[in-house]
Amino acid sequence: MMSRSAKPRRESKSKQLYKSYEELPIWTIVSKSVTELVNNGDLSETTAHTYIVGYICKSIVEAEKLGASS
């Protein structure tokens, strides 16, 4: 299992890719949820935390724009 202290390669690219989502309230919620799953041993982060959180936030925002909830 990769610890959060180990920095996966995508860190700098992911920070730029999902930067626009970092100011949204959903970012904090998703980030805390992912961290809880990692700390509980339910999830292993093998990709940068910001990439995981950004991807989930982007998916939710896009789904909301389409009026989808699934």
C-alpha atoms as a PDB file:
ATOM      1  CA  MET A   1       0.000   0.000   0.000  1.00  0.00           C
ATOM      2  CA  MET A   2       1.333   3.432  -0.942  1.00  0.00           C
ATOM      3  CA  SER A   3       1.351   5.976   1.832  1.00  0.00           C
ATOM      4  CA  ARG A   4       0.216   9.531   1.248  1.00  0.00           C
ATOM      5  CA  SER A   5       3.758  10.709   1.922  1.00  0.00           C
ATOM      6  CA  ALA A   6       5.024   8.958  -1.221  1.00  0.00           C
ATOM      7  CA  LYS A   7       4.480  11.254  -4.176  1.00  0.00           C
ATOM      8  CA  PRO A   8       3.160   9.508  -7.286  1.00  0.00           C
ATOM      9  CA  ARG A   9       4.390  10.845 -10.629  1.00  0.00           C
ATOM     10  CA  ARG A  10       1.176  12.620 -11.656  1.00  0.00           C
ATOM     11  CA  GLU A  11       1.213  15.136  -8.781  1.00  0.00           C
ATOM     12  CA  SER A  12       2.323  18.268 -10.675  1.00  0.00           C
ATOM     13  CA  LYS A  13       0.255  17.511 -13.795  1.00  0.00           C
ATOM     14  CA  SER A  14      -2.854  16.738 -11.743  1.00  0.00           C
ATOM     15  CA  LYS A  15      -2.548  19.994  -9.809  1.00  0.00           C
ATOM     16  CA  GLN A  16      -2.843  21.916 -13.077  1.00  0.00           C
ATOM     17  CA  LEU A  17      -5.462  19.649 -14.614  1.00  0.00           C
ATOM     18  CA  TYR A  18      -8.013  19.987 -11.801  1.00  0.00           C
ATOM     19  CA  LYS A  19      -6.992  23.389 -10.379  1.00  0.00           C
ATOM     20  CA  SER A  20     -10.375  24.921 -11.258  1.00  0.00           C
ATOM     21  CA  TYR A  21     -12.159  22.455  -8.968  1.00  0.00           C
ATOM     22  CA  GLU A  22     -10.046  23.135  -5.855  1.00  0.00           C
ATOM     23  CA  GLU A  23     -12.098  26.176  -4.826  1.00  0.00           C
ATOM     24  CA  LEU A  24     -15.423  24.336  -5.006  1.00  0.00           C
ATOM     25  CA  PRO A  25     -17.001  23.163  -1.732  1.00  0.00           C
ATOM     26  CA  ILE A  26     -17.199  19.648  -3.162  1.00  0.00           C
ATOM     27  CA  TRP A  27     -13.372  19.440  -3.281  1.00  0.00           C
ATOM     28  CA  THR A  28     -13.089  19.450   0.509  1.00  0.00           C
ATOM     29  CA  ILE A  29     -15.843  16.868   0.907  1.00  0.00           C
ATOM     30  CA  VAL A  30     -14.353  14.490  -1.652  1.00  0.00           C
ATOM     31  CA  SER A  31     -10.817  14.978  -0.333  1.00  0.00           C
ATOM     32  CA  LYS A  32     -11.840  14.200   3.235  1.00  0.00           C
ATOM     33  CA  SER A  33     -13.820  11.165   2.082  1.00  0.00           C
ATOM     34  CA  VAL A  34     -10.907   9.744   0.102  1.00  0.00           C
ATOM     35  CA  THR A  35      -8.572  10.364   3.055  1.00  0.00           C
ATOM     36  CA  GLU A  36     -10.971   8.551   5.402  1.00  0.00           C
ATOM     37  CA  LEU A  37     -11.123   5.564   3.053  1.00  0.00           C
ATOM     38  CA  VAL A  38      -7.321   5.454   2.867  1.00  0.00           C
ATOM     39  CA  ASN A  39      -6.966   5.745   6.640  1.00  0.00           C
ATOM     40  CA  ASN A  40      -9.543   2.965   7.161  1.00  0.00           C
ATOM     41  CA  GLY A  41      -7.653   0.701   4.777  1.00  0.00           C
ATOM     42  CA  ASP A  42     -10.604   0.593   2.376  1.00  0.00           C
ATOM     43  CA  LEU A  43      -8.702   2.348  -0.420  1.00  0.00           C
ATOM     44  CA  SER A  44      -5.072   2.397  -1.495  1.00  0.00           C
ATOM     45  CA  GLU A  45      -3.903   5.538  -3.287  1.00  0.00           C
ATOM     46  CA  THR A  46      -1.592   4.556  -6.099  1.00  0.00           C
ATOM     47  CA  THR A  47      -2.224   7.832  -7.908  1.00  0.00           C
ATOM     48  CA  ALA A  48      -1.733  11.364  -6.574  1.00  0.00           C
ATOM     49  CA  HIS A  49      -4.422  12.401  -4.088  1.00  0.00           C
ATOM     50  CA  THR A  50      -5.141  15.604  -6.048  1.00  0.00           C
ATOM     51  CA  TYR A  51      -5.683  13.595  -9.228  1.00  0.00           C
ATOM     52  CA  ILE A  52      -8.149  11.243  -7.528  1.00  0.00           C
ATOM     53  CA  VAL A  53     -10.066  14.084  -5.889  1.00  0.00           C
ATOM     54  CA  GLY A  54     -10.003  16.212  -9.036  1.00  0.00           C
ATOM     55  CA  TYR A  55     -11.259  13.385 -11.213  1.00  0.00           C
ATOM     56  CA  ILE A  56     -14.170  12.656  -8.868  1.00  0.00           C
ATOM     57  CA  CYS A  57     -15.067  16.351  -8.575  1.00  0.00           C
ATOM     58  CA  LYS A  58     -14.939  16.789 -12.353  1.00  0.00           C
ATOM     59  CA  SER A  59     -17.197  13.760 -12.819  1.00  0.00           C
ATOM     60  CA  ILE A  60     -19.747  15.075 -10.324  1.00  0.00           C
ATOM     61  CA  VAL A  61     -19.746  18.596 -11.788  1.00  0.00           C
ATOM     62  CA  GLU A  62     -20.184  17.242 -15.326  1.00  0.00           C
ATOM     63  CA  ALA A  63     -22.997  14.930 -14.212  1.00  0.00           C
ATOM     64  CA  GLU A  64     -24.776  17.854 -12.536  1.00  0.00           C
ATOM     65  CA  LYS A  65     -24.500  19.890 -15.740  1.00  0.00           C
ATOM     66  CA  LEU A  66     -26.151  17.058 -17.629  1.00  0.00           C
ATOM     67  CA  GLY A  67     -28.840  16.708 -14.983  1.00  0.00           C
ATOM     68  CA  ALA A  68     -27.677  13.181 -14.173  1.00  0.00           C
ATOM     69  CA  SER A  69     -27.377  11.750 -10.705  1.00  0.00           C
ATOM     70  CA  SER A  70     -25.696   8.452 -11.556  1.00  0.00           C
END
